[in-house]
Protein backbone atom coordinates (compact mmCIF):
# COMPACT_ATOMS: atom_id res chain seq x y z
CA UNK A 1 -87.29 33.72 22.32
CA UNK A 2 -90.87 33.55 23.60
CA UNK A 3 -93.15 36.54 24.17
CA UNK A 4 -93.17 35.84 27.93
CA UNK A 5 -91.39 37.59 30.76
CA UNK A 6 -87.73 38.49 30.17
CA UNK A 7 -85.22 37.41 32.83
CA UNK A 8 -82.03 39.50 32.84
CA UNK A 9 -78.79 37.52 32.86
CA UNK A 10 -75.06 38.15 32.47
CA UNK A 11 -72.07 36.35 31.01
CA UNK A 12 -68.73 36.86 32.76
CA UNK A 13 -65.42 35.55 31.39
CA UNK A 14 -62.47 34.56 33.55
CA UNK A 15 -60.64 37.74 32.52
CA UNK A 16 -63.48 39.84 34.00
CA UNK A 17 -65.21 40.73 30.72
CA UNK A 18 -68.95 41.06 31.26
CA UNK A 19 -71.83 40.86 28.77
CA UNK A 20 -75.50 41.62 29.36
CA UNK A 21 -78.28 39.38 28.10
CA UNK A 22 -81.49 37.49 28.83
CA UNK A 23 -81.87 33.97 30.23
CA UNK A 24 -83.16 31.30 27.82
CA UNK A 25 -83.52 27.55 27.99
CA UNK A 26 -83.40 25.81 31.38
CA UNK A 27 -83.34 28.14 34.37
CA UNK A 28 -80.00 28.34 36.19
CA UNK A 29 -78.38 30.90 38.47
CA UNK A 30 -74.87 29.93 37.30
CA UNK A 31 -73.66 27.86 34.34
CA UNK A 32 -69.93 27.39 33.74
CA UNK A 33 -67.75 25.98 30.97
CA UNK A 34 -65.06 26.72 28.41
CA UNK A 35 -66.46 29.39 26.06
CA UNK A 36 -65.89 28.81 22.33
CA UNK A 37 -67.43 30.24 19.18
CA UNK A 38 -68.95 28.50 16.16
CA UNK A 39 -69.39 30.23 12.80
CA UNK A 40 -72.11 28.06 11.20
CA UNK A 41 -75.05 29.85 9.58
CA UNK A 42 -77.37 26.84 9.93
CA UNK A 43 -77.27 23.57 11.83
CA UNK A 44 -77.53 24.99 15.33
CA UNK A 45 -79.39 21.89 16.54
CA UNK A 46 -76.67 19.57 15.25
CA UNK A 47 -74.08 21.73 17.03
CA UNK A 48 -75.94 21.76 20.35
CA UNK A 49 -76.41 17.96 20.29
CA UNK A 50 -72.84 17.13 19.18
CA UNK A 51 -71.15 15.28 22.10
CA UNK A 52 -67.83 16.87 21.11
CA UNK A 53 -69.00 20.05 22.91
CA UNK A 54 -68.96 18.39 26.35
CA UNK A 55 -67.53 20.84 28.86
CA UNK A 56 -68.03 23.84 26.59
CA UNK A 57 -70.39 26.80 26.23
CA UNK A 58 -71.13 27.40 22.54
CA UNK A 59 -71.31 30.93 21.16
CA UNK A 60 -73.02 31.25 17.78
CA UNK A 61 -71.47 34.05 15.74
CA UNK A 62 -74.38 34.13 13.28
CA UNK A 63 -76.72 36.74 14.80
CA UNK A 64 -80.13 35.12 14.18
CA UNK A 65 -80.53 31.62 15.66
CA UNK A 66 -83.61 29.40 16.00
CA UNK A 67 -85.65 30.62 13.03
CA UNK A 68 -86.47 27.13 11.69
CA UNK A 69 -87.04 25.47 15.07
CA UNK A 70 -85.94 21.94 15.96
CA UNK A 71 -86.89 18.33 15.28
CA UNK A 72 -85.64 15.18 16.97
CA UNK A 73 -84.70 13.86 13.49
CA UNK A 74 -81.75 16.27 13.48
CA UNK A 75 -80.31 15.33 16.89
CA UNK A 76 -76.72 14.06 16.77
CA UNK A 77 -77.02 12.31 20.13
CA UNK A 78 -79.64 11.28 22.68
CA UNK A 79 -79.15 14.57 24.54
CA UNK A 80 -76.94 17.65 24.46
CA UNK A 81 -73.63 17.47 26.32
CA UNK A 82 -72.62 21.11 25.92
CA UNK A 83 -72.76 23.22 29.09
CA UNK A 84 -74.72 26.09 27.56
CA UNK A 85 -75.56 28.25 24.54
CA UNK A 86 -74.91 31.93 23.79
CA UNK A 87 -76.75 33.77 20.98
CA UNK A 88 -77.33 37.31 19.81
CA UNK A 89 -80.95 37.10 18.65
CA UNK A 90 -83.05 34.02 19.44
CA UNK A 91 -85.99 33.81 17.02
CA UNK A 92 -89.34 34.44 18.70
CA UNK A 93 -91.14 32.08 16.33
CA UNK A 94 -89.99 29.02 14.37
CA UNK A 95 -91.08 28.69 10.76
CA UNK A 96 -90.47 25.30 9.14
CA UNK A 97 -92.75 22.38 8.30
CA UNK A 98 -90.36 19.93 9.98
CA UNK A 99 -90.19 21.84 13.27
CA UNK A 100 -91.79 20.25 16.34
CA UNK A 101 -90.61 22.78 18.93
CA UNK A 102 -88.62 25.98 19.25
CA UNK A 103 -84.92 25.98 20.12
CA UNK A 104 -85.79 27.65 23.44
CA UNK A 105 -88.26 24.86 24.25
CA UNK A 106 -85.75 22.18 23.23
CA UNK A 107 -83.08 23.67 25.50
CA UNK A 108 -85.55 23.82 28.40
CA UNK A 109 -86.67 20.21 27.93
CA UNK A 110 -83.08 18.98 27.64
CA UNK A 111 -81.90 20.92 30.69
CA UNK A 112 -79.50 23.21 28.81
CA UNK A 113 -79.24 26.84 29.90
CA UNK A 114 -78.57 29.71 27.54
CA UNK A 115 -78.25 33.44 27.29
CA UNK A 116 -79.58 35.60 24.43
CA UNK A 117 -79.17 39.28 23.57
CA UNK A 118 -75.39 39.05 23.99
CA UNK A 119 -73.07 41.18 21.85
CA UNK A 120 -71.61 38.05 20.23
CA UNK A 121 -69.50 40.12 17.83
CA UNK A 122 -67.62 41.65 20.75
CA UNK A 123 -67.45 38.29 22.54
CA UNK A 124 -66.02 36.56 19.47
CA UNK A 125 -63.34 39.22 19.12
CA UNK A 126 -62.33 38.73 22.76
CA UNK A 127 -62.08 34.95 22.28
CA UNK A 128 -60.24 35.38 18.97
CA UNK A 129 -57.65 37.70 20.52
CA UNK A 130 -57.33 35.99 23.91
CA UNK A 131 -58.21 32.39 23.10
CA UNK A 132 -60.94 30.15 24.45
CA UNK A 133 -61.40 30.73 28.17
CA UNK A 134 -63.58 29.71 31.04
CA UNK A 135 -66.78 31.64 31.62
CA UNK A 136 -70.00 31.66 33.60
CA UNK A 137 -73.47 32.98 32.81
CA UNK A 138 -76.82 33.15 34.52
CA UNK A 139 -78.92 35.25 36.86
CA UNK A 140 -76.34 35.32 39.64
CA UNK A 141 -74.41 38.43 40.70
CA UNK A 142 -71.26 39.63 38.92
CA UNK A 143 -69.05 38.53 41.81
CA UNK A 144 -70.70 35.11 41.89
CA UNK A 145 -70.33 34.63 38.14
CA UNK A 146 -66.70 35.84 38.09
CA UNK A 147 -65.75 33.48 40.92
CA UNK A 148 -67.45 30.60 39.10
CA UNK A 149 -65.71 31.45 35.82
CA UNK A 150 -62.29 31.55 37.46
CA UNK A 151 -62.84 28.26 39.28
CA UNK A 152 -64.02 26.44 36.12
CA UNK A 153 -61.46 23.76 35.19
CA UNK A 154 -61.99 23.97 31.41
CA UNK A 155 -61.20 20.96 29.23
CA UNK A 156 -57.41 20.57 29.34
CA UNK A 157 -56.24 17.33 30.96
CA UNK A 158 -59.79 16.15 31.69
CA UNK A 159 -61.23 12.89 30.36
CA UNK A 160 -64.51 14.08 28.84
CA UNK A 161 -64.83 10.99 26.64
CA UNK A 162 -65.90 8.96 29.68
CA UNK A 163 -68.87 11.32 30.14
CA UNK A 164 -70.25 10.86 26.60
CA UNK A 165 -69.36 7.30 25.54
CA UNK A 166 -71.98 4.56 25.52
CA UNK A 167 -71.83 2.20 28.51
CA UNK A 168 -72.73 -0.88 26.46
CA UNK A 169 -72.22 -2.07 22.89
CA UNK A 170 -75.02 -1.86 20.33
CA UNK A 171 -75.47 -2.66 16.65
CA UNK A 172 -76.48 -0.49 13.70
CA UNK A 173 -77.52 -2.60 10.71
CA UNK A 174 -76.14 -1.67 7.31
CA UNK A 175 -73.91 -3.13 4.59
CA UNK A 176 -72.26 -6.54 4.36
CA UNK A 177 -68.93 -5.44 5.87
CA UNK A 178 -68.47 -5.42 9.63
CA UNK A 179 -67.05 -2.36 11.37
CA UNK A 180 -66.34 -1.87 15.05
CA UNK A 181 -66.83 1.81 15.89
CA UNK A 182 -65.38 3.26 19.07
CA UNK A 183 -67.80 5.69 20.68
CA UNK A 184 -65.68 8.57 21.91
CA UNK A 185 -68.73 10.81 21.36
CA UNK A 186 -69.99 9.50 18.03
CA UNK A 187 -72.55 11.50 16.03
CA UNK A 188 -75.73 10.01 14.55
CA UNK A 189 -74.85 11.28 11.07
CA UNK A 190 -71.55 9.39 11.20
CA UNK A 191 -73.43 6.19 12.00
CA UNK A 192 -75.76 6.77 9.05
CA UNK A 193 -72.78 7.27 6.72
CA UNK A 194 -71.02 4.16 8.02
CA UNK A 195 -74.24 2.13 7.68
CA UNK A 196 -74.13 2.77 3.93
CA UNK A 197 -70.95 0.66 3.73
CA UNK A 198 -71.12 -1.70 6.72
CA UNK A 199 -72.99 -3.09 9.69
CA UNK A 200 -71.60 -1.35 12.76
CA UNK A 201 -70.92 -2.65 16.25
CA UNK A 202 -70.61 0.48 18.40
CA UNK A 203 -68.49 -0.15 21.49
CA UNK A 204 -67.60 1.86 24.61
CA UNK A 205 -64.41 3.92 24.55
CA UNK A 206 -62.84 1.60 27.15
CA UNK A 207 -63.15 -1.55 24.99
CA UNK A 208 -59.85 -3.44 24.71
CA UNK A 209 -58.02 -4.28 21.49
CA UNK A 210 -58.37 -7.98 22.26
CA UNK A 211 -62.14 -7.68 22.54
CA UNK A 212 -62.30 -5.77 19.25
CA UNK A 213 -60.14 -8.26 17.34
CA UNK A 214 -62.22 -11.11 18.74
CA UNK A 215 -65.17 -9.67 16.82
CA UNK A 216 -63.17 -10.19 13.58
CA UNK A 217 -64.16 -6.84 12.03
CA UNK A 218 -63.33 -5.79 8.48
CA UNK A 219 -62.40 -2.39 9.86
CA UNK A 220 -62.25 -0.20 12.97
CA UNK A 221 -63.62 3.33 13.16
CA UNK A 222 -62.35 5.92 15.66
CA UNK A 223 -65.05 8.52 16.28
CA UNK A 224 -65.12 12.18 17.09
CA UNK A 225 -65.34 13.22 20.73
CA UNK A 226 -64.71 16.01 23.22
CA UNK A 227 -61.69 17.48 24.89
CA UNK A 228 -58.02 16.73 25.30
CA UNK A 229 -56.67 13.57 23.57
CA UNK A 230 -53.86 13.32 26.12
CA UNK A 231 -56.50 12.69 28.79
CA UNK A 232 -57.62 9.42 27.13
CA UNK A 233 -54.50 7.20 27.46
CA UNK A 234 -56.53 3.97 27.57
CA UNK A 235 -57.86 4.64 24.06
CA UNK A 236 -54.36 5.45 22.78
CA UNK A 237 -53.06 2.14 24.13
CA UNK A 238 -55.93 0.22 22.52
CA UNK A 239 -55.41 1.87 19.13
CA UNK A 240 -51.68 1.12 19.30
CA UNK A 241 -52.53 -2.59 19.36
CA UNK A 242 -55.05 -2.30 16.50
CA UNK A 243 -52.93 -0.43 13.95
CA UNK A 244 -51.54 -2.96 11.50
CA UNK A 245 -54.01 -5.66 12.55
CA UNK A 246 -57.12 -4.25 10.84
CA UNK A 247 -57.94 -1.24 8.59
CA UNK A 248 -58.54 1.90 10.68
CA UNK A 249 -60.33 5.17 9.91
CA UNK A 250 -60.43 8.08 12.39
CA UNK A 251 -62.31 11.36 12.50
CA UNK A 252 -61.55 14.42 14.66
CA UNK A 253 -60.65 13.10 18.16
CA UNK A 254 -60.13 9.72 16.48
CA UNK A 255 -57.51 11.41 14.26
CA UNK A 256 -55.74 12.82 17.30
CA UNK A 257 -55.84 9.53 19.22
CA UNK A 258 -54.45 7.66 16.20
CA UNK A 259 -51.55 10.10 16.01
CA UNK A 260 -50.77 9.66 19.70
CA UNK A 261 -50.92 5.88 19.27
CA UNK A 262 -48.24 6.29 16.59
CA UNK A 263 -46.05 8.25 19.02
CA UNK A 264 -47.10 11.71 17.87
CA UNK A 265 -47.93 14.84 19.83
CA UNK A 266 -51.06 16.98 19.98
CA UNK A 267 -51.41 20.60 21.07
CA UNK A 268 -54.23 23.00 21.91
CA UNK A 269 -55.19 25.68 19.39
CA UNK A 270 -55.82 29.23 20.66
CA UNK A 271 -59.56 29.19 19.98
CA UNK A 272 -60.06 26.00 18.02
CA UNK A 273 -61.84 25.33 14.75
CA UNK A 274 -65.63 25.42 15.07
CA UNK A 275 -67.66 26.04 11.94
CA UNK A 276 -68.96 24.79 8.63
CA UNK A 277 -66.83 26.67 6.10
CA UNK A 278 -63.17 25.78 6.71
CA UNK A 279 -61.15 25.37 3.48
CA UNK A 280 -58.98 22.25 3.38
CA UNK A 281 -56.63 21.24 0.55
CA UNK A 282 -56.39 17.62 -0.53
CA UNK A 283 -52.65 17.45 -1.06
CA UNK A 284 -52.55 14.72 -3.73
CA UNK A 285 -55.01 16.42 -6.08
CA UNK A 286 -54.83 20.07 -5.01
CA UNK A 287 -58.62 20.03 -4.70
CA UNK A 288 -60.12 22.39 -2.11
CA UNK A 289 -62.82 20.98 0.17
CA UNK A 290 -65.10 23.15 2.30
CA UNK A 291 -65.36 21.32 5.60
CA UNK A 292 -67.22 21.18 8.88
CA UNK A 293 -64.93 21.34 11.92
CA UNK A 294 -65.20 21.14 15.70
CA UNK A 295 -61.99 20.67 17.66
CA UNK A 296 -59.72 22.54 20.07
CA UNK A 297 -56.69 20.27 19.68
CA UNK A 298 -54.47 19.52 16.70
CA UNK A 299 -51.88 16.98 15.56
CA UNK A 300 -48.22 17.90 15.09
CA UNK A 301 -47.24 15.84 12.00
CA UNK A 302 -43.52 16.57 12.53
CA UNK A 303 -43.69 14.55 15.76
CA UNK A 304 -44.65 11.37 13.91
CA UNK A 305 -41.14 10.62 12.70
CA UNK A 306 -41.99 9.96 9.05
CA UNK A 307 -44.59 7.29 9.86
CA UNK A 308 -47.36 9.23 8.09
CA UNK A 309 -48.02 11.18 4.93
CA UNK A 310 -49.99 14.40 5.39
CA UNK A 311 -53.01 14.16 3.09
CA UNK A 312 -54.97 17.31 3.97
CA UNK A 313 -53.98 20.83 5.02
CA UNK A 314 -56.03 23.64 6.57
CA UNK A 315 -55.75 26.73 4.38
CA UNK A 316 -56.62 29.17 7.18
CA UNK A 317 -53.76 28.33 9.54
CA UNK A 318 -51.89 25.51 7.72
CA UNK A 319 -52.53 22.99 10.48
CA UNK A 320 -52.76 19.27 9.81
CA UNK A 321 -56.18 18.08 8.61
CA UNK A 322 -55.46 14.52 7.55
CA UNK A 323 -52.86 11.79 7.32
CA UNK A 324 -52.20 8.31 5.97
CA UNK A 325 -50.10 5.80 7.90
CA UNK A 326 -47.28 4.58 5.63
CA UNK A 327 -46.71 1.14 7.14
CA UNK A 328 -50.29 0.12 7.99
CA UNK A 329 -53.80 0.35 6.46
CA UNK A 330 -54.92 3.37 8.48
CA UNK A 331 -55.88 6.99 7.76
CA UNK A 332 -57.66 9.83 9.52
CA UNK A 333 -58.90 13.39 9.13
CA UNK A 334 -59.27 16.22 11.62
CA UNK A 335 -62.51 17.54 10.17
CA UNK A 336 -66.00 16.02 9.82
CA UNK A 337 -66.68 14.38 6.43
CA UNK A 338 -70.20 13.39 7.53
CA UNK A 339 -70.80 17.12 8.09
CA UNK A 340 -74.33 17.04 9.46
CA UNK A 341 -75.91 19.29 8.21
CA UNK A 342 -73.22 20.05 5.60
CA UNK A 343 -71.22 20.74 3.48
CA UNK A 344 -70.71 17.29 1.97
CA UNK A 345 -67.50 17.82 -0.02
CA UNK A 346 -65.68 15.13 1.96
CA UNK A 347 -68.23 12.30 2.11
CA UNK A 348 -65.98 10.35 -0.29
CA UNK A 349 -63.79 9.41 2.68
CA UNK A 350 -66.33 6.79 3.76
CA UNK A 351 -65.91 5.18 0.32
CA UNK A 352 -62.14 5.32 0.85
CA UNK A 353 -62.63 3.39 4.09
CA UNK A 354 -64.75 0.82 2.24
CA UNK A 355 -61.99 0.37 -0.38
CA UNK A 356 -59.37 -0.01 2.34
CA UNK A 357 -61.42 -2.75 4.00
CA UNK A 358 -61.91 -4.51 0.64
CA UNK A 359 -58.15 -4.44 0.03
CA UNK A 360 -57.56 -5.80 3.53
CA UNK A 361 -59.85 -8.75 2.82
CA UNK A 362 -57.92 -9.75 -0.30
């Protein structure tokens, strides 16, 4: 944080837990959201600007955040959609030749509030044992913050995709293939990876299947995005009419929406998967991939009635991390193979999508 005046602030969870700290970023008396924790050691800017965090307050478990500053080159979207940021120790000075401003300055400019000096180890243990919960932080009184935390709706049953999706289609030039990418909260790094194999037409989340098929794409990509997949029924209905018509590849929320389009169920995890070091086993080869993850919901493969083959498994809690549709050219993964800023163990999945589109053209 800067060497200027310190403004005391507090974080209060819906269960009454209170944490002392100092206000950072944009000034706000009260900021509310669903509080989650992320275990990345680097990549804090990519996390803050990931649209998948809409509706959430991000706690960084790594104690020292902001030491290499920020640069617009690392933004994953035009602006942050997270509600706020919680850190233990915000670096007073940024030291990196690429840095153009500090994390504190970036948060202020982008209108994102934060709180530093928080005992994030204790906070993470509360969230681990209790599960993600609503919270409020700021300069307001304890009673004001507690009331705000308890009135916060959270993310369950709320269509957050509509708050992050583009409102008009746009093109990203790339390879010779043509891919229509649904923007449920798509990250810039995903677009860069897709551009290596195709030219991309990015469309709003509400785009119909008929409109997509009229573009005659070689493939359809279902992006990451925030919140509860059951709250996006229009996307599920669209995907249902695309499966079997064109090769499909889904990531994160796209994975969950594909499963629901196939008649499957999704459920909310206690505190979600948010980090850059989750071990995932590729079932066909037994190879272990270290993956980047950011999701609160998960697919129940048993609910899919034998329509899919599970391709990837999370080794921490044995939840589903990937699947292949048996009767259509479609596959998806729960984690982030683009993994901005890393690791890159799973980038091969974009090549798998390219091969699937080539097979579909033959």
